[in-house]
Protein backbone atom coordinates (compact mmCIF):
# COMPACT_ATOMS: atom_id res chain seq x y z
CA MET A 1 133.74 82.89 79.35
CA ASN A 2 131.13 83.57 82.02
CA SER A 3 133.31 86.28 83.56
CA VAL A 4 133.64 87.99 80.16
CA ARG A 5 129.88 87.92 79.66
CA TYR A 6 129.34 89.30 83.15
CA TYR A 7 131.81 92.12 82.48
CA ILE A 8 130.09 93.03 79.21
CA LEU A 9 126.68 92.96 80.91
CA PHE A 10 128.02 95.06 83.79
CA LYS A 11 129.32 97.69 81.36
CA ARG A 12 125.97 97.82 79.55
CA VAL A 13 124.05 98.23 82.81
CA LEU A 14 126.46 100.94 83.98
CA LEU A 15 126.14 102.80 80.67
CA PHE A 16 122.35 102.59 80.94
CA GLN A 17 122.48 103.98 84.49
CA LEU A 18 124.83 106.80 83.44
CA LEU A 19 122.45 107.83 80.66
CA ASN A 20 119.54 107.76 83.12
CA TYR A 21 121.63 109.74 85.60
CA CYS A 22 122.33 112.52 83.09
CA GLN A 23 118.67 112.67 82.13
CA PHE A 24 117.59 112.71 85.78
CA ARG A 25 119.94 115.62 86.55
CA GLU A 26 118.54 117.61 83.62
CA GLU A 27 114.94 116.95 84.63
CA ASN A 28 115.55 117.60 88.35
CA PHE A 29 118.01 120.49 88.25
CA ASN A 30 116.54 121.96 91.44
CA LEU A 31 117.85 118.98 93.44
CA TYR A 32 121.43 119.87 92.49
CA ASP A 33 121.58 123.63 92.00
CA LYS A 34 123.68 125.22 94.79
CA VAL A 35 122.99 122.34 97.16
CA ASN A 36 125.50 121.92 99.98
CA PRO A 37 125.05 118.55 101.77
CA LEU A 38 126.01 120.10 105.11
CA ASP A 39 123.21 122.67 104.80
CA LEU A 40 120.77 119.74 104.95
CA SER A 41 122.26 118.31 108.12
CA TYR A 42 119.13 119.25 110.07
CA ILE A 43 117.33 116.41 108.27
CA GLY A 44 119.91 114.02 109.65
CA GLU A 45 119.68 115.59 113.09
CA GLU A 46 115.95 114.88 113.07
CA GLY A 47 116.78 111.25 112.34
CA ILE A 48 115.02 111.10 108.98
CA ILE A 49 118.07 110.06 106.97
CA SER A 50 121.32 108.55 108.19
CA VAL A 51 124.22 106.69 106.62
CA LEU A 52 125.95 104.39 109.07
CA PRO A 53 129.69 105.19 109.37
CA TYR A 54 130.62 101.52 109.03
CA ARG A 55 129.83 98.71 106.59
CA GLU A 56 127.87 95.48 106.87
CA GLN A 57 129.41 92.02 106.47
CA THR A 58 129.86 92.21 102.68
CA GLY A 59 131.49 95.65 102.81
CA ARG A 60 128.45 97.69 101.75
CA ARG A 61 127.29 100.93 103.35
CA ILE A 62 123.85 101.07 104.94
CA VAL A 63 121.56 104.07 104.48
CA VAL A 64 118.56 104.30 106.80
CA PHE A 65 115.38 106.24 106.07
CA LYS A 66 113.04 106.71 109.06
CA VAL A 67 109.99 107.95 107.22
CA GLY A 68 107.87 108.28 110.36
CA LYS A 69 110.22 110.95 111.74
CA TRP A 70 109.51 113.23 108.78
CA ASP A 71 107.15 116.13 109.58
CA PRO A 72 105.66 117.26 106.23
CA SER A 73 104.58 120.58 107.80
CA LYS A 74 108.22 121.47 108.61
CA THR A 75 110.32 119.78 105.94
CA HIS A 76 109.45 120.08 102.27
CA MET A 77 109.56 116.92 100.18
CA ASP A 78 112.16 118.48 97.87
CA ASP A 79 114.53 118.91 100.83
CA LEU A 80 114.24 115.19 101.57
CA PHE A 81 115.11 114.44 97.96
CA LYS A 82 118.04 116.88 98.04
CA ALA A 83 119.42 115.27 101.20
CA SER A 84 118.97 111.77 99.77
CA VAL A 85 120.65 112.64 96.48
CA ALA A 86 123.49 114.43 98.29
CA ALA A 87 124.11 111.46 100.57
CA LEU A 88 124.06 108.97 97.70
CA GLU A 89 126.27 111.10 95.48
CA VAL A 90 128.84 111.55 98.22
CA GLY A 91 128.62 107.81 98.85
CA ILE A 92 129.49 107.11 95.23
CA LEU A 93 132.85 108.82 95.81
CA GLU A 94 133.94 105.82 97.88
CA PRO A 95 135.70 103.37 95.50
CA ARG A 96 134.26 100.36 97.34
CA ALA A 97 130.73 101.70 96.93
CA GLN A 98 131.25 102.04 93.17
CA ILE A 99 131.86 98.31 92.98
CA LEU A 100 129.67 96.83 95.72
CA GLY A 101 126.82 99.32 95.87
CA GLY A 102 124.86 99.85 99.07
CA VAL A 103 122.02 98.62 101.25
CA ALA A 104 118.92 100.64 102.18
CA ILE A 105 116.64 100.24 105.20
CA PHE A 106 113.27 101.99 105.19
CA ASP A 107 111.89 102.11 108.73
CA MET A 108 108.15 102.75 108.50
CA GLU A 109 107.47 103.08 112.22
CA GLY A 110 105.25 106.10 112.82
CA LEU A 111 104.06 106.30 109.20
CA SER A 112 100.72 108.13 109.25
CA LEU A 113 97.95 109.23 106.92
CA GLN A 114 99.56 112.69 106.86
CA HIS A 115 102.64 111.10 105.30
CA ALA A 116 100.51 109.09 102.89
CA PHE A 117 98.75 112.23 101.60
CA ASN A 118 102.16 113.71 100.70
CA ILE A 119 103.47 110.60 98.95
CA THR A 120 101.88 110.99 95.54
CA PRO A 121 102.52 108.82 92.44
CA ALA A 122 104.93 111.51 91.21
CA VAL A 123 106.87 111.27 94.49
CA VAL A 124 106.91 107.47 94.25
CA SER A 125 108.27 107.69 90.71
CA ARG A 126 111.08 110.01 91.83
CA VAL A 127 111.97 107.75 94.76
CA PHE A 128 112.21 104.84 92.33
CA GLN A 129 114.46 106.86 90.03
CA ILE A 130 116.79 107.88 92.84
CA MET A 131 117.05 104.47 94.50
CA VAL A 132 116.99 102.19 91.47
CA THR A 133 117.46 103.56 87.97
CA SER A 134 119.09 106.99 87.93
CA LEU A 135 122.25 106.91 90.03
CA PRO A 136 125.43 105.16 88.80
CA MET A 137 125.56 103.00 91.92
CA LYS A 138 123.71 99.77 92.55
CA VAL A 139 121.41 99.49 95.53
CA HIS A 140 122.07 95.86 96.35
CA SER A 141 119.02 95.37 98.56
CA ILE A 142 116.18 97.35 100.11
CA HIS A 143 114.74 96.29 103.46
CA ILE A 144 111.36 97.51 104.69
CA ILE A 145 110.71 97.20 108.43
CA ASN A 146 107.87 98.11 110.79
CA GLU A 147 105.47 98.55 107.89
CA SER A 148 101.71 98.93 108.43
CA TRP A 149 98.56 98.91 106.32
CA ILE A 150 99.32 102.52 105.36
CA PHE A 151 102.59 101.40 103.82
CA GLU A 152 100.79 98.65 101.95
CA LYS A 153 98.58 101.27 100.32
CA ILE A 154 101.61 103.36 99.35
CA PHE A 155 103.53 100.31 98.17
CA SER A 156 100.73 99.47 95.74
CA MET A 157 101.94 102.50 93.74
CA PHE A 158 105.47 101.10 93.62
CA LYS A 159 104.57 97.64 92.34
CA PRO A 160 103.96 98.60 88.69
CA LEU A 161 107.42 100.22 88.60
CA LEU A 162 109.29 97.19 89.93
CA GLY A 163 110.51 94.59 87.48
CA ARG A 164 111.44 91.07 88.52
CA ARG A 165 115.07 92.00 89.10
CA TYR A 166 114.24 94.71 91.62
CA SER A 167 111.42 92.78 93.25
CA GLU A 168 113.96 90.11 94.16
CA SER A 169 116.09 92.76 95.91
CA LEU A 170 113.22 94.04 98.05
CA PHE A 171 112.51 92.47 101.44
CA CYS A 172 109.63 93.28 103.80
CA HIS A 173 110.25 92.20 107.39
CA GLY A 174 107.42 93.78 109.36
CA SER A 175 108.38 93.88 113.03
CA ASN A 176 110.42 90.67 112.72
CA ILE A 177 113.96 91.94 113.36
CA GLU A 178 115.31 88.38 113.18
CA SER A 179 114.21 88.32 109.55
CA LEU A 180 116.36 91.41 108.92
CA HIS A 181 119.28 89.68 110.64
CA LYS A 182 119.22 86.95 107.98
CA HIS A 183 120.46 89.61 105.57
CA ILE A 184 122.45 91.97 107.81
CA GLU A 185 124.27 90.49 110.78
CA PRO A 186 123.34 92.11 114.14
CA LYS A 187 126.92 93.22 114.83
CA TYR A 188 126.60 95.57 111.85
CA LEU A 189 123.31 97.13 112.95
CA PRO A 190 122.40 99.80 115.52
CA ARG A 191 120.84 98.66 118.78
CA ILE A 192 117.35 99.81 117.75
CA TYR A 193 117.42 97.04 115.13
CA GLY A 194 118.73 94.35 117.45
CA GLY A 195 122.38 95.18 116.82
CA ILE A 196 125.24 96.38 119.01
CA ARG A 197 126.11 99.72 117.41
CA PRO A 198 124.97 103.24 118.37
CA ASP A 199 122.26 104.91 116.31
CA TYR A 200 124.55 107.22 114.33
CA GLY A 201 123.22 110.22 112.44
CA TYR A 202 123.92 111.98 109.15
CA ILE A 203 126.92 114.03 110.33
CA GLU A 204 128.91 111.13 111.80
CA TRP A 205 129.12 109.54 108.38
CA PHE A 206 130.38 112.75 106.76
CA LEU A 207 133.04 113.03 109.47
CA SER A 208 134.11 109.42 108.90
CA LEU A 209 134.59 110.16 105.19
CA GLY A 210 137.26 112.68 106.16
CA ARG A 211 139.65 109.76 106.60
CA CYS A 212 139.56 109.00 102.86
CA PRO A 213 141.60 111.55 100.83
CA ASP A 214 139.93 110.69 97.51
CA VAL A 215 136.48 111.26 99.01
CA VAL A 216 137.54 114.56 100.60
CA LYS A 217 138.85 115.73 97.24
CA GLY A 218 135.57 114.71 95.58
CA ILE A 219 133.45 116.49 98.20
CA ARG A 220 135.46 119.68 97.78
CA HIS A 221 134.92 119.47 94.03
CA ILE A 222 131.18 118.99 94.49
CA LEU A 223 130.87 121.91 96.91
CA LYS A 224 132.94 124.16 94.63
CA PHE A 225 130.80 123.19 91.66
CA LYS A 226 127.45 123.65 93.44
CA CYS A 227 128.04 126.73 95.54
């Protein structure tokens, strides 16, 4: 009986997310129109966004956002959103991701007042939509590391948007890497976070997806549709 109830609840949540997804696409058409994920590879090369080409212990992908590496004078906020949406949408093509969802790490090292001035309430709202409510894939957990007082000021804008369910999926670790290891085992993390893996970039993940025929077919469809 419990499994039936869970299945019904899962279908309702998925339907709700799909409706939000359609609405988000309509309201943010500029994030999708003629966007080729590979054209945004420079953002990955700068280390701002990366998706690790392997999974953590539960089989979920890990996406890493190094906010401090973002130079607002060089990279427009919309390009960050385009790269994030592209990475997440390509990630959804993996069957395992559709079931398990993913894990996000926000590394706040180097976050400055210049970043804070560019992160407005409207930007915060869009981040919340992308990461939580408007993509048909569950973000299982969000981990914040190396945060400072500047982040605390920015995070105060997020709090009203977070319900209990999402607050329980958000973990702030500060500089305590061992705290992060309680959730993600070190052998599934890059060395910069106390793990054993290289610090892979954006492109390595795309190349690793080439081994999955269904994902390749989906990417080709996306590029054909957007170009």
